Amino acid sequence: MHTVMKNTILKLPHLFLKPLFLSLALSLAVLLFLAVQTPHKRTSSELPAGVQIRPGYSSYDSYIQRQLNKTLNPKLRKIWITRDWDRKVLVFSQFFRNLKERNLLSTESKALCIGARVGQEVEALRRVGVSDSVGIDLVPYPPLVLKGDFHSQPFDDESFDFEFSNVFDHALYPLKFVREIERTLREGGVCVLHVALSRRADKYSANDLYSVEPLLQLFRVSELVDVRKVDGFGLDTEVVFRKKKKKNN
């Protein structure tokens, strides 16, 4: 009887250890899941002073959903393709003609518009003679706009001669936004951003930019070409970068 009780006591730790290990394994799995779901923190080394990410995004999915709330809004989409269409195409055309006059854009350029919604800027590029132009947005609007996330452009390296965007303020990860531009832009290619510096951007913006200086740090393989004031649908500053050519060894 004593031997049986002794063996039973010896087995008890094993009975407790098995559920303990299962509990630990489950806890680790949950922690790993939460780590994947939590947005990557923007450290000071990645995000320069002068640009701030707005709070309130618990995950990348929640950020995407908020952007889609605007893009898929039926009232807004109707406005964009009706009463807003001609006005915006006209203004964008003026911007692009000016860039052509400054030799920053040509009819031979292969052009990309980032965050193009329903494609007014793409249509404007085509009207000024840049026929090889396309846009990307979370929601496609064929044939002008393809589906694509500007944090991870669906294009090969060095695909474009010219890239334009007026949605920098919508980037949750500004460094990724810029890196994708520099990845898909050819050497010597031009990037034009329209940004808001003197006023707070719209309620769907994911970041606030307070000067041009942060852009100079984010664009790591490009040089600043020009900065000028514009009146672009609530955006007040045009910033132009040119991707540097690699030096021959």
C-alpha atoms as a PDB file:
ATOM      1  CA  MET A   1       0.000   0.000   0.000  1.00  0.00           C
ATOM      2  CA  HIS A   2       2.848   2.343   0.869  1.00  0.00           C
ATOM      3  CA  THR A   3       4.544   1.651  -2.493  1.00  0.00           C
ATOM      4  CA  VAL A   4       1.319   2.394  -4.444  1.00  0.00           C
ATOM      5  CA  MET A   5       0.854   5.718  -2.628  1.00  0.00           C
ATOM      6  CA  LYS A   6       4.499   6.632  -3.292  1.00  0.00           C
ATOM      7  CA  ASN A   7       4.138   5.935  -7.020  1.00  0.00           C
ATOM      8  CA  THR A   8       0.923   7.955  -7.152  1.00  0.00           C
ATOM      9  CA  ILE A   9       2.616  10.935  -5.497  1.00  0.00           C
ATOM     10  CA  LEU A  10       5.536  10.721  -7.949  1.00  0.00           C
ATOM     11  CA  LYS A  11       3.112  10.810 -10.878  1.00  0.00           C
ATOM     12  CA  LEU A  12       1.268  13.890  -9.613  1.00  0.00           C
ATOM     13  CA  PRO A  13       3.867  16.455 -10.819  1.00  0.00           C
ATOM     14  CA  HIS A  14       3.664  14.987 -14.307  1.00  0.00           C
ATOM     15  CA  LEU A  15      -0.103  15.354 -14.267  1.00  0.00           C
ATOM     16  CA  PHE A  16       0.264  19.029 -13.352  1.00  0.00           C
ATOM     17  CA  LEU A  17       3.169  19.700 -15.732  1.00  0.00           C
ATOM     18  CA  LYS A  18       1.314  18.634 -18.863  1.00  0.00           C
ATOM     19  CA  PRO A  19      -1.494  21.243 -18.591  1.00  0.00           C
ATOM     20  CA  LEU A  20       1.101  23.796 -17.457  1.00  0.00           C
ATOM     21  CA  PHE A  21       3.128  23.295 -20.651  1.00  0.00           C
ATOM     22  CA  LEU A  22      -0.053  23.443 -22.729  1.00  0.00           C
ATOM     23  CA  SER A  23      -1.013  26.711 -21.020  1.00  0.00           C
ATOM     24  CA  LEU A  24       2.435  28.198 -21.685  1.00  0.00           C
ATOM     25  CA  ALA A  25       2.320  27.153 -25.334  1.00  0.00           C
ATOM     26  CA  LEU A  26      -1.126  28.714 -25.748  1.00  0.00           C
ATOM     27  CA  SER A  27       0.041  31.941 -24.084  1.00  0.00           C
ATOM     28  CA  LEU A  28       3.064  32.157 -26.401  1.00  0.00           C
ATOM     29  CA  ALA A  29       0.831  31.613 -29.413  1.00  0.00           C
ATOM     30  CA  VAL A  30      -1.474  34.439 -28.303  1.00  0.00           C
ATOM     31  CA  LEU A  31       1.475  36.777 -27.693  1.00  0.00           C
ATOM     32  CA  LEU A  32       2.897  36.022 -31.153  1.00  0.00           C
ATOM     33  CA  PHE A  33      -0.500  36.682 -32.717  1.00  0.00           C
ATOM     34  CA  LEU A  34      -0.811  40.027 -30.936  1.00  0.00           C
ATOM     35  CA  ALA A  35       2.721  40.975 -31.968  1.00  0.00           C
ATOM     36  CA  VAL A  36       1.879  40.352 -35.608  1.00  0.00           C
ATOM     37  CA  GLN A  37      -1.365  42.317 -35.354  1.00  0.00           C
ATOM     38  CA  THR A  38       0.229  45.321 -33.619  1.00  0.00           C
ATOM     39  CA  PRO A  39       1.468  47.990 -36.063  1.00  0.00           C
ATOM     40  CA  HIS A  40       5.232  48.344 -36.281  1.00  0.00           C
ATOM     41  CA  LYS A  41       6.292  51.199 -34.019  1.00  0.00           C
ATOM     42  CA  ARG A  42       7.846  54.166 -35.785  1.00  0.00           C
ATOM     43  CA  THR A  43      11.080  54.781 -33.911  1.00  0.00           C
ATOM     44  CA  SER A  44      12.821  58.138 -33.926  1.00  0.00           C
ATOM     45  CA  SER A  45      15.484  56.717 -36.249  1.00  0.00           C
ATOM     46  CA  GLU A  46      12.827  55.857 -38.823  1.00  0.00           C
ATOM     47  CA  LEU A  47      10.621  58.916 -38.498  1.00  0.00           C
ATOM     48  CA  PRO A  48      12.304  62.325 -38.458  1.00  0.00           C
ATOM     49  CA  ALA A  49      11.104  65.204 -36.327  1.00  0.00           C
ATOM     50  CA  GLY A  50       8.567  67.365 -38.109  1.00  0.00           C
ATOM     51  CA  VAL A  51       6.233  64.579 -39.180  1.00  0.00           C
ATOM     52  CA  GLN A  52       3.893  62.971 -36.662  1.00  0.00           C
ATOM     53  CA  ILE A  53       1.685  59.912 -36.962  1.00  0.00           C
ATOM     54  CA  ARG A  54      -1.835  60.475 -35.745  1.00  0.00           C
ATOM     55  CA  PRO A  55      -3.022  58.183 -32.931  1.00  0.00           C
ATOM     56  CA  GLY A  56      -6.018  55.886 -33.073  1.00  0.00           C
ATOM     57  CA  TYR A  57      -4.925  53.014 -35.321  1.00  0.00           C
ATOM     58  CA  SER A  58      -4.952  49.722 -33.392  1.00  0.00           C
ATOM     59  CA  SER A  59      -3.797  47.732 -36.430  1.00  0.00           C
ATOM     60  CA  TYR A  60      -2.920  48.142 -40.093  1.00  0.00           C
ATOM     61  CA  ASP A  61      -6.331  46.695 -40.953  1.00  0.00           C
ATOM     62  CA  SER A  62      -8.048  49.446 -38.972  1.00  0.00           C
ATOM     63  CA  TYR A  63      -5.999  52.031 -40.872  1.00  0.00           C
ATOM     64  CA  ILE A  64      -6.939  50.480 -44.225  1.00  0.00           C
ATOM     65  CA  GLN A  65     -10.594  50.349 -43.232  1.00  0.00           C
ATOM     66  CA  ARG A  66     -10.593  54.048 -42.339  1.00  0.00           C
ATOM     67  CA  GLN A  67      -9.095  54.917 -45.725  1.00  0.00           C
ATOM     68  CA  LEU A  68     -11.693  52.745 -47.450  1.00  0.00           C
ATOM     69  CA  ASN A  69     -14.457  54.554 -45.581  1.00  0.00           C
ATOM     70  CA  LYS A  70     -13.531  57.637 -47.602  1.00  0.00           C
ATOM     71  CA  THR A  71     -12.660  55.952 -50.889  1.00  0.00           C
ATOM     72  CA  LEU A  72     -15.835  53.859 -51.001  1.00  0.00           C
ATOM     73  CA  ASN A  73     -18.178  56.616 -49.806  1.00  0.00           C
ATOM     74  CA  PRO A  74     -20.845  56.623 -52.563  1.00  0.00           C
ATOM     75  CA  LYS A  75     -21.587  60.339 -52.207  1.00  0.00           C
ATOM     76  CA  LEU A  76     -17.914  61.272 -52.528  1.00  0.00           C
ATOM     77  CA  ARG A  77     -17.353  58.951 -55.475  1.00  0.00           C
ATOM     78  CA  LYS A  78     -20.319  60.477 -57.285  1.00  0.00           C
ATOM     79  CA  ILE A  79     -18.903  63.971 -56.698  1.00  0.00           C
ATOM     80  CA  TRP A  80     -15.428  62.900 -57.857  1.00  0.00           C
ATOM     81  CA  ILE A  81     -16.687  61.580 -61.194  1.00  0.00           C
ATOM     82  CA  THR A  82     -19.278  64.316 -61.863  1.00  0.00           C
ATOM     83  CA  ARG A  83     -19.053  67.925 -60.702  1.00  0.00           C
ATOM     84  CA  ASP A  84     -15.453  67.623 -59.414  1.00  0.00           C
ATOM     85  CA  TRP A  85     -14.101  65.866 -62.490  1.00  0.00           C
ATOM     86  CA  ASP A  86     -13.592  68.717 -64.971  1.00  0.00           C
ATOM     87  CA  ARG A  87     -12.405  71.170 -62.312  1.00  0.00           C
ATOM     88  CA  LYS A  88      -9.753  68.817 -60.935  1.00  0.00           C
ATOM     89  CA  VAL A  89      -8.576  67.628 -64.342  1.00  0.00           C
ATOM     90  CA  LEU A  90      -8.142  71.275 -65.363  1.00  0.00           C
ATOM     91  CA  VAL A  91      -6.097  72.162 -62.253  1.00  0.00           C
ATOM     92  CA  PHE A  92      -3.948  69.022 -62.472  1.00  0.00           C
ATOM     93  CA  SER A  93      -3.340  69.749 -66.161  1.00  0.00           C
ATOM     94  CA  GLN A  94      -2.016  73.194 -65.236  1.00  0.00           C
ATOM     95  CA  PHE A  95       0.341  71.651 -62.681  1.00  0.00           C
ATOM     96  CA  PHE A  96       1.662  69.120 -65.182  1.00  0.00           C
ATOM     97  CA  ARG A  97       2.105  71.669 -67.980  1.00  0.00           C
ATOM     98  CA  ASN A  98       4.169  73.743 -65.559  1.00  0.00           C
ATOM     99  CA  LEU A  99       6.329  70.708 -64.763  1.00  0.00           C
ATOM    100  CA  LYS A 100       6.846  70.092 -68.485  1.00  0.00           C
ATOM    101  CA  GLU A 101       7.946  73.708 -68.950  1.00  0.00           C
ATOM    102  CA  ARG A 102      10.505  73.187 -66.178  1.00  0.00           C
ATOM    103  CA  ASN A 103      11.787  69.999 -67.864  1.00  0.00           C
ATOM    104  CA  LEU A 104      10.654  67.838 -64.973  1.00  0.00           C
ATOM    105  CA  LEU A 105       8.143  65.896 -67.064  1.00  0.00           C
ATOM    106  CA  SER A 106       7.989  64.973 -70.747  1.00  0.00           C
ATOM    107  CA  THR A 107       5.596  63.284 -73.148  1.00  0.00           C
ATOM    108  CA  GLU A 108       7.967  60.277 -73.170  1.00  0.00           C
ATOM    109  CA  SER A 109       7.748  59.827 -69.395  1.00  0.00           C
ATOM    110  CA  LYS A 110       6.205  56.698 -67.954  1.00  0.00           C
ATOM    111  CA  ALA A 111       4.171  58.173 -65.109  1.00  0.00           C
ATOM    112  CA  LEU A 112       2.507  56.946 -61.928  1.00  0.00           C
ATOM    113  CA  CYS A 113      -0.040  58.770 -59.755  1.00  0.00           C
ATOM    114  CA  ILE A 114      -0.088  57.469 -56.172  1.00  0.00           C
ATOM    115  CA  GLY A 115      -3.390  57.463 -54.296  1.00  0.00           C
ATOM    116  CA  ALA A 116      -5.246  58.525 -57.433  1.00  0.00           C
ATOM    117  CA  ARG A 117      -8.828  57.834 -56.295  1.00  0.00           C
ATOM    118  CA  VAL A 118     -10.805  57.908 -59.568  1.00  0.00           C
ATOM    119  CA  GLY A 119      -7.892  59.154 -61.652  1.00  0.00           C
ATOM    120  CA  GLN A 120      -8.352  62.866 -62.342  1.00  0.00           C
ATOM    121  CA  GLU A 121      -4.578  63.374 -62.260  1.00  0.00           C
ATOM    122  CA  VAL A 122      -4.034  60.422 -64.606  1.00  0.00           C
ATOM    123  CA  GLU A 123      -6.533  61.870 -67.054  1.00  0.00           C
ATOM    124  CA  ALA A 124      -4.767  65.241 -66.754  1.00  0.00           C
ATOM    125  CA  LEU A 125      -1.380  63.672 -67.561  1.00  0.00           C
ATOM    126  CA  ARG A 126      -2.816  62.023 -70.658  1.00  0.00           C
ATOM    127  CA  ARG A 127      -4.404  65.288 -71.776  1.00  0.00           C
ATOM    128  CA  VAL A 128      -1.044  67.081 -71.621  1.00  0.00           C
ATOM    129  CA  GLY A 129       0.538  64.374 -73.748  1.00  0.00           C
ATOM    130  CA  VAL A 130       1.917  61.927 -71.158  1.00  0.00           C
ATOM    131  CA  SER A 131       0.018  58.964 -72.557  1.00  0.00           C
ATOM    132  CA  ASP A 132       1.846  56.222 -70.629  1.00  0.00           C
ATOM    133  CA  SER A 133       0.276  57.120 -67.284  1.00  0.00           C
ATOM    134  CA  VAL A 134      -1.564  55.122 -64.648  1.00  0.00           C
ATOM    135  CA  GLY A 135      -2.678  55.502 -61.045  1.00  0.00           C
ATOM    136  CA  ILE A 136      -2.926  53.224 -58.012  1.00  0.00           C
ATOM    137  CA  ASP A 137      -5.376  53.279 -55.130  1.00  0.00           C
ATOM    138  CA  LEU A 138      -6.869  50.829 -52.641  1.00  0.00           C
ATOM    139  CA  VAL A 139      -9.962  50.739 -54.844  1.00  0.00           C
ATOM    140  CA  PRO A 140      -9.330  50.468 -58.607  1.00  0.00           C
ATOM    141  CA  TYR A 141     -11.074  52.668 -61.160  1.00  0.00           C
ATOM    142  CA  PRO A 142     -10.223  51.123 -64.548  1.00  0.00           C
ATOM    143  CA  PRO A 143      -8.776  51.943 -66.932  1.00  0.00           C
ATOM    144  CA  LEU A 144      -7.136  54.906 -65.165  1.00  0.00           C
ATOM    145  CA  VAL A 145      -6.457  53.473 -61.706  1.00  0.00           C
ATOM    146  CA  LEU A 146      -5.149  50.044 -60.703  1.00  0.00           C
ATOM    147  CA  LYS A 147      -5.554  48.434 -57.287  1.00  0.00           C
ATOM    148  CA  GLY A 148      -2.492  48.969 -55.113  1.00  0.00           C
ATOM    149  CA  ASP A 149      -1.282  49.911 -51.636  1.00  0.00           C
ATOM    150  CA  PHE A 150       1.250  52.746 -51.752  1.00  0.00           C
ATOM    151  CA  HIS A 151       3.103  51.166 -48.814  1.00  0.00           C
ATOM    152  CA  SER A 152       3.882  48.245 -51.136  1.00  0.00           C
ATOM    153  CA  GLN A 153       3.552  49.258 -54.783  1.00  0.00           C
ATOM    154  CA  PRO A 154       2.648  46.402 -57.180  1.00  0.00           C
ATOM    155  CA  PHE A 155       5.432  47.271 -59.631  1.00  0.00           C
ATOM    156  CA  ASP A 156       8.977  46.166 -60.404  1.00  0.00           C
ATOM    157  CA  ASP A 157      12.012  48.197 -59.427  1.00  0.00           C
ATOM    158  CA  GLU A 158      12.741  51.246 -61.596  1.00  0.00           C
ATOM    159  CA  SER A 159       9.441  51.126 -63.503  1.00  0.00           C
ATOM    160  CA  PHE A 160       8.676  54.857 -63.796  1.00  0.00           C
ATOM    161  CA  ASP A 161      10.258  58.123 -64.927  1.00  0.00           C
ATOM    162  CA  PHE A 162       7.796  60.290 -63.011  1.00  0.00           C
ATOM    163  CA  GLU A 163       5.674  59.805 -59.883  1.00  0.00           C
ATOM    164  CA  PHE A 164       3.133  62.227 -58.481  1.00  0.00           C
ATOM    165  CA  SER A 165       1.176  62.135 -55.238  1.00  0.00           C
ATOM    166  CA  ASN A 166      -0.969  64.452 -53.168  1.00  0.00           C
ATOM    167  CA  VAL A 167      -1.706  61.862 -50.469  1.00  0.00           C
ATOM    168  CA  PHE A 168       1.526  61.801 -48.467  1.00  0.00           C
ATOM    169  CA  ASP A 169      -0.564  62.788 -45.431  1.00  0.00           C
ATOM    170  CA  HIS A 170      -2.515  59.530 -45.782  1.00  0.00           C
ATOM    171  CA  ALA A 171       0.587  57.359 -45.276  1.00  0.00           C
ATOM    172  CA  LEU A 172       0.638  55.524 -41.951  1.00  0.00           C
ATOM    173  CA  TYR A 173       4.269  54.637 -42.633  1.00  0.00           C
ATOM    174  CA  PRO A 174       5.868  57.656 -44.360  1.00  0.00           C
ATOM    175  CA  LEU A 175       9.243  55.915 -44.672  1.00  0.00           C
ATOM    176  CA  LYS A 176       7.689  52.950 -46.481  1.00  0.00           C
ATOM    177  CA  PHE A 177       5.731  55.355 -48.689  1.00  0.00           C
ATOM    178  CA  VAL A 178       8.953  57.116 -49.756  1.00  0.00           C
ATOM    179  CA  ARG A 179      11.004  53.930 -50.064  1.00  0.00           C
ATOM    180  CA  GLU A 180       8.458  52.503 -52.485  1.00  0.00           C
ATOM    181  CA  ILE A 181       8.653  55.653 -54.595  1.00  0.00           C
ATOM    182  CA  GLU A 182      12.447  55.473 -54.692  1.00  0.00           C
ATOM    183  CA  ARG A 183      12.334  51.737 -55.446  1.00  0.00           C
ATOM    184  CA  THR A 184       9.990  52.047 -58.432  1.00  0.00           C
ATOM    185  CA  LEU A 185      11.474  55.298 -59.767  1.00  0.00           C
ATOM    186  CA  ARG A 186      14.227  55.038 -62.359  1.00  0.00           C
ATOM    187  CA  GLU A 187      17.577  56.742 -61.860  1.00  0.00           C
ATOM    188  CA  GLY A 188      17.168  60.377 -62.828  1.00  0.00           C
ATOM    189  CA  GLY A 189      13.406  60.044 -62.408  1.00  0.00           C
ATOM    190  CA  VAL A 190      11.305  62.763 -60.785  1.00  0.00           C
ATOM    191  CA  CYS A 191       8.907  62.577 -57.835  1.00  0.00           C
ATOM    192  CA  VAL A 192       6.489  65.439 -57.157  1.00  0.00           C
ATOM    193  CA  LEU A 193       4.599  65.671 -53.876  1.00  0.00           C
ATOM    194  CA  HIS A 194       1.855  68.123 -53.008  1.00  0.00           C
ATOM    195  CA  VAL A 195       1.662  68.502 -49.225  1.00  0.00           C
ATOM    196  CA  ALA A 196       0.028  70.696 -46.594  1.00  0.00           C
ATOM    197  CA  LEU A 197       2.426  72.611 -44.347  1.00  0.00           C
ATOM    198  CA  SER A 198       0.487  75.653 -43.195  1.00  0.00           C
ATOM    199  CA  ARG A 199      -2.709  73.875 -42.212  1.00  0.00           C
ATOM    200  CA  ARG A 200      -3.873  70.576 -40.754  1.00  0.00           C
ATOM    201  CA  ALA A 201      -4.785  68.021 -43.428  1.00  0.00           C
ATOM    202  CA  ASP A 202      -8.196  66.318 -43.611  1.00  0.00           C
ATOM    203  CA  LYS A 203      -9.716  63.990 -41.028  1.00  0.00           C
ATOM    204  CA  TYR A 204      -8.656  60.895 -42.955  1.00  0.00           C
ATOM    205  CA  SER A 205      -4.979  61.859 -42.835  1.00  0.00           C
ATOM    206  CA  ALA A 206      -2.675  59.470 -40.972  1.00  0.00           C
ATOM    207  CA  ASN A 207       0.170  61.925 -40.415  1.00  0.00           C
ATOM    208  CA  ASP A 208       0.869  65.640 -40.083  1.00  0.00           C
ATOM    209  CA  LEU A 209       3.845  67.285 -41.791  1.00  0.00           C
ATOM    210  CA  TYR A 210       5.160  70.554 -40.376  1.00  0.00           C
ATOM    211  CA  SER A 211       8.022  71.404 -42.751  1.00  0.00           C
ATOM    212  CA  VAL A 212       9.902  70.172 -45.820  1.00  0.00           C
ATOM    213  CA  GLU A 213      12.867  69.071 -43.686  1.00  0.00           C
ATOM    214  CA  PRO A 214      11.486  65.600 -42.801  1.00  0.00           C
ATOM    215  CA  LEU A 215      11.076  64.843 -46.507  1.00  0.00           C
ATOM    216  CA  LEU A 216      14.758  65.597 -47.067  1.00  0.00           C
ATOM    217  CA  GLN A 217      15.573  62.874 -44.533  1.00  0.00           C
ATOM    218  CA  LEU A 218      13.007  60.377 -45.816  1.00  0.00           C
ATOM    219  CA  PHE A 219      14.195  60.602 -49.438  1.00  0.00           C
ATOM    220  CA  ARG A 220      17.532  58.867 -48.989  1.00  0.00           C
ATOM    221  CA  VAL A 221      18.610  58.291 -52.601  1.00  0.00           C
ATOM    222  CA  SER A 222      17.115  61.436 -54.127  1.00  0.00           C
ATOM    223  CA  GLU A 223      18.039  65.105 -54.175  1.00  0.00           C
ATOM    224  CA  LEU A 224      15.753  68.074 -53.669  1.00  0.00           C
ATOM    225  CA  VAL A 225      15.101  69.931 -56.931  1.00  0.00           C
ATOM    226  CA  ASP A 226      12.522  72.542 -56.045  1.00  0.00           C
ATOM    227  CA  VAL A 227       9.983  73.747 -53.481  1.00  0.00           C
ATOM    228  CA  ARG A 228       7.213  76.179 -54.353  1.00  0.00           C
ATOM    229  CA  LYS A 229       3.827  77.317 -53.126  1.00  0.00           C
ATOM    230  CA  VAL A 230       0.766  75.925 -54.885  1.00  0.00           C
ATOM    231  CA  ASP A 231      -2.996  75.922 -54.421  1.00  0.00           C
ATOM    232  CA  GLY A 232      -3.860  72.279 -54.806  1.00  0.00           C
ATOM    233  CA  PHE A 233      -7.165  71.354 -53.219  1.00  0.00           C
ATOM    234  CA  GLY A 234      -6.125  72.237 -49.673  1.00  0.00           C
ATOM    235  CA  LEU A 235      -2.450  71.423 -50.212  1.00  0.00           C
ATOM    236  CA  ASP A 236      -0.123  74.405 -50.266  1.00  0.00           C
ATOM    237  CA  THR A 237       3.379  73.211 -51.142  1.00  0.00           C
ATOM    238  CA  GLU A 238       4.926  71.397 -54.101  1.00  0.00           C
ATOM    239  CA  VAL A 239       8.142  69.476 -53.370  1.00  0.00           C
ATOM    240  CA  VAL A 240      10.177  67.996 -56.221  1.00  0.00           C
ATOM    241  CA  PHE A 241      12.839  65.297 -55.878  1.00  0.00           C
ATOM    242  CA  ARG A 242      15.049  63.631 -58.465  1.00  0.00           C
ATOM    243  CA  LYS A 243      16.429  60.135 -57.877  1.00  0.00           C
ATOM    244  CA  LYS A 244      20.200  60.156 -57.913  1.00  0.00           C
ATOM    245  CA  LYS A 245      22.133  58.179 -60.496  1.00  0.00           C
ATOM    246  CA  LYS A 246      24.448  55.531 -59.150  1.00  0.00           C
ATOM    247  CA  LYS A 247      28.121  56.384 -59.357  1.00  0.00           C
ATOM    248  CA  ASN A 248      30.226  54.080 -61.523  1.00  0.00           C
ATOM    249  CA  ASN A 249      32.921  52.228 -59.618  1.00  0.00           C
END
